[in-house]
N, C-alpha and C. Protein backbone atom coordinates (compact mmCIF):
# COMPACT_ATOMS: atom_id res chain seq x y z
N MET A 1 124.11 69.17 36.23
CA MET A 1 125.28 69.41 37.04
C MET A 1 126.46 68.67 36.43
N ASN A 2 127.63 69.26 36.56
CA ASN A 2 128.83 68.62 36.02
C ASN A 2 129.51 67.80 37.13
N GLU A 3 130.60 67.14 36.77
CA GLU A 3 131.28 66.24 37.71
C GLU A 3 131.79 66.98 38.94
N ARG A 4 132.30 68.18 38.75
CA ARG A 4 132.83 68.98 39.86
C ARG A 4 131.72 69.35 40.84
N GLU A 5 130.60 69.79 40.31
CA GLU A 5 129.46 70.15 41.16
C GLU A 5 128.94 68.93 41.92
N LEU A 6 128.89 67.80 41.25
CA LEU A 6 128.43 66.57 41.91
C LEU A 6 129.36 66.20 43.05
N LYS A 7 130.65 66.30 42.85
CA LYS A 7 131.63 65.98 43.90
C LYS A 7 131.44 66.89 45.11
N LEU A 8 131.22 68.19 44.87
CA LEU A 8 131.00 69.13 45.97
C LEU A 8 129.74 68.77 46.77
N LEU A 9 128.68 68.41 46.05
CA LEU A 9 127.44 68.02 46.72
C LEU A 9 127.59 66.72 47.50
N ILE A 10 128.34 65.79 46.95
CA ILE A 10 128.58 64.52 47.65
C ILE A 10 129.39 64.77 48.92
N ASP A 11 130.42 65.59 48.81
CA ASP A 11 131.25 65.90 49.98
C ASP A 11 130.44 66.62 51.08
N ALA A 12 129.47 67.42 50.66
CA ALA A 12 128.61 68.14 51.62
C ALA A 12 127.45 67.27 52.10
N GLN A 13 127.39 66.04 51.64
CA GLN A 13 126.31 65.09 51.96
C GLN A 13 124.94 65.66 51.62
N ALA A 14 124.88 66.36 50.48
CA ALA A 14 123.63 66.98 50.04
C ALA A 14 122.89 66.15 49.00
N ILE A 15 123.45 65.02 48.59
CA ILE A 15 122.83 64.15 47.60
C ILE A 15 122.13 63.01 48.34
N LYS A 16 120.86 62.80 48.03
CA LYS A 16 120.09 61.75 48.70
C LYS A 16 120.07 60.45 47.92
N ARG A 17 119.98 60.55 46.57
CA ARG A 17 119.86 59.33 45.77
C ARG A 17 120.66 59.45 44.49
N VAL A 18 121.42 58.42 44.18
CA VAL A 18 122.19 58.36 42.94
C VAL A 18 121.76 57.10 42.19
N GLN A 19 121.45 57.27 40.91
CA GLN A 19 121.03 56.15 40.07
C GLN A 19 121.82 56.16 38.76
N ILE A 20 121.94 55.00 38.19
CA ILE A 20 122.46 54.87 36.83
C ILE A 20 121.30 54.37 35.99
N HIS A 21 120.93 55.14 34.97
CA HIS A 21 119.82 54.77 34.09
C HIS A 21 120.37 54.30 32.75
N TYR A 22 119.73 53.30 32.20
CA TYR A 22 120.05 52.87 30.84
C TYR A 22 119.35 53.83 29.88
N ALA A 23 120.12 54.44 29.00
CA ALA A 23 119.58 55.38 28.01
C ALA A 23 119.36 54.63 26.70
N VAL A 24 118.13 54.34 26.40
CA VAL A 24 117.78 53.53 25.23
C VAL A 24 118.26 54.19 23.93
N MET A 25 118.00 55.47 23.79
CA MET A 25 118.35 56.17 22.55
C MET A 25 119.86 56.22 22.33
N ALA A 26 120.62 56.33 23.41
CA ALA A 26 122.07 56.46 23.29
C ALA A 26 122.78 55.11 23.35
N GLN A 27 122.03 54.06 23.68
CA GLN A 27 122.63 52.73 23.85
C GLN A 27 123.76 52.77 24.88
N GLY A 28 123.51 53.47 25.97
CA GLY A 28 124.51 53.59 27.03
C GLY A 28 123.85 53.92 28.35
N TYR A 29 124.62 54.47 29.27
CA TYR A 29 124.14 54.73 30.62
C TYR A 29 124.34 56.19 31.00
N MET A 30 123.46 56.68 31.90
CA MET A 30 123.54 58.05 32.40
C MET A 30 123.52 58.01 33.92
N VAL A 31 124.25 58.93 34.56
CA VAL A 31 124.24 59.06 36.00
C VAL A 31 123.21 60.12 36.37
N ILE A 32 122.31 59.78 37.27
CA ILE A 32 121.26 60.69 37.74
C ILE A 32 121.42 60.86 39.25
N ALA A 33 121.59 62.10 39.70
CA ALA A 33 121.72 62.39 41.13
C ALA A 33 120.57 63.29 41.55
N ASP A 34 119.74 62.81 42.44
CA ASP A 34 118.56 63.55 42.90
C ASP A 34 117.74 64.12 41.74
N GLY A 35 117.56 63.31 40.70
CA GLY A 35 116.72 63.68 39.58
C GLY A 35 117.40 64.52 38.51
N LYS A 36 118.66 64.88 38.70
CA LYS A 36 119.39 65.68 37.71
C LYS A 36 120.49 64.84 37.07
N ALA A 37 120.58 64.92 35.75
CA ALA A 37 121.57 64.14 35.02
C ALA A 37 122.95 64.78 35.12
N LEU A 38 123.97 63.93 35.18
CA LEU A 38 125.34 64.39 35.12
C LEU A 38 125.58 64.90 33.70
N GLU A 39 126.20 66.08 33.57
CA GLU A 39 126.36 66.72 32.26
C GLU A 39 127.83 66.90 31.90
N THR A 40 128.05 67.10 30.61
CA THR A 40 129.38 67.44 30.10
C THR A 40 129.58 68.94 30.26
N GLY A 41 130.73 69.43 29.86
CA GLY A 41 131.01 70.86 29.91
C GLY A 41 130.10 71.67 29.01
N LYS A 42 129.53 71.03 28.00
CA LYS A 42 128.63 71.70 27.07
C LYS A 42 127.16 71.59 27.51
N ARG A 43 126.95 71.16 28.74
CA ARG A 43 125.61 71.01 29.33
C ARG A 43 124.74 69.98 28.60
N GLU A 44 125.39 68.97 28.03
CA GLU A 44 124.67 67.84 27.44
C GLU A 44 124.78 66.67 28.41
N ALA A 45 123.81 65.78 28.41
CA ALA A 45 123.85 64.63 29.31
C ALA A 45 125.09 63.79 29.01
N ARG A 46 125.84 63.49 30.06
CA ARG A 46 127.04 62.66 29.89
C ARG A 46 126.63 61.21 29.78
N GLU A 47 127.13 60.55 28.76
CA GLU A 47 126.77 59.16 28.51
C GLU A 47 127.98 58.26 28.68
N PHE A 48 127.73 57.08 29.22
CA PHE A 48 128.76 56.08 29.43
C PHE A 48 128.42 54.86 28.60
N LYS A 49 129.40 54.28 27.94
CA LYS A 49 129.15 53.12 27.08
C LYS A 49 128.83 51.87 27.90
N THR A 50 129.43 51.76 29.08
CA THR A 50 129.20 50.57 29.90
C THR A 50 128.76 50.95 31.31
N LEU A 51 128.10 50.03 31.96
CA LEU A 51 127.70 50.20 33.34
C LEU A 51 128.93 50.31 34.23
N ASP A 52 129.95 49.55 33.91
CA ASP A 52 131.19 49.59 34.69
C ASP A 52 131.84 50.97 34.66
N ALA A 53 131.82 51.64 33.51
CA ALA A 53 132.42 52.96 33.40
C ALA A 53 131.68 53.97 34.28
N ALA A 54 130.36 53.90 34.29
CA ALA A 54 129.57 54.81 35.14
C ALA A 54 129.82 54.51 36.62
N ALA A 55 129.86 53.24 36.98
CA ALA A 55 130.11 52.85 38.37
C ALA A 55 131.51 53.26 38.82
N LYS A 56 132.47 53.16 37.93
CA LYS A 56 133.85 53.54 38.25
C LYS A 56 133.94 55.03 38.57
N LEU A 57 133.23 55.85 37.81
CA LEU A 57 133.22 57.29 38.07
C LEU A 57 132.58 57.57 39.43
N LEU A 58 131.46 56.93 39.72
CA LEU A 58 130.80 57.14 41.00
C LEU A 58 131.70 56.72 42.16
N PHE A 59 132.40 55.62 42.01
CA PHE A 59 133.34 55.18 43.05
C PHE A 59 134.44 56.20 43.24
N LYS A 60 134.95 56.76 42.14
CA LYS A 60 136.00 57.78 42.20
C LYS A 60 135.51 59.03 42.94
N LEU A 61 134.23 59.36 42.77
CA LEU A 61 133.66 60.53 43.42
C LEU A 61 133.28 60.27 44.88
N GLY A 62 133.33 59.02 45.30
CA GLY A 62 133.03 58.69 46.68
C GLY A 62 131.64 58.12 46.92
N VAL A 63 130.97 57.72 45.87
CA VAL A 63 129.64 57.13 46.00
C VAL A 63 129.78 55.61 46.06
N ALA A 64 129.35 55.02 47.17
CA ALA A 64 129.44 53.57 47.30
C ALA A 64 128.07 52.91 47.18
N ASP A 65 127.00 53.70 47.31
CA ASP A 65 125.66 53.15 47.29
C ASP A 65 124.84 53.85 46.20
N PHE A 66 124.48 53.10 45.17
CA PHE A 66 123.66 53.64 44.09
C PHE A 66 122.80 52.52 43.54
N SER A 67 121.77 52.90 42.79
CA SER A 67 120.90 51.90 42.18
C SER A 67 121.03 51.97 40.67
N VAL A 68 120.65 50.89 40.01
CA VAL A 68 120.70 50.81 38.56
C VAL A 68 119.28 50.61 38.06
N LYS A 69 118.88 51.44 37.12
CA LYS A 69 117.54 51.35 36.55
C LYS A 69 117.70 51.05 35.06
N LEU A 70 117.33 49.84 34.67
CA LEU A 70 117.49 49.44 33.28
C LEU A 70 116.29 49.80 32.41
N ARG A 71 115.15 50.00 33.03
CA ARG A 71 113.95 50.38 32.29
C ARG A 71 113.36 51.61 32.97
N THR A 72 113.14 52.66 32.21
CA THR A 72 112.66 53.91 32.80
C THR A 72 111.16 54.13 32.58
N THR A 73 110.47 53.19 31.96
CA THR A 73 109.03 53.35 31.73
C THR A 73 108.23 52.60 32.74
């Protein structure tokens, strides 16, 4: 899902869980909403260089409660 779709789902209160995962291969972070990664316009996983950048986007979209997962194994 892209940022626009995520915002619509958040506004409709259709999202149950939002997480920020550390992406080892990318050396950055990914936003995961109900098991689906936030994507770019090219349908690739959107990556953030810092945890703060990912959190800032979530705050802008209206998400105040999320978890951070640093290890996915």
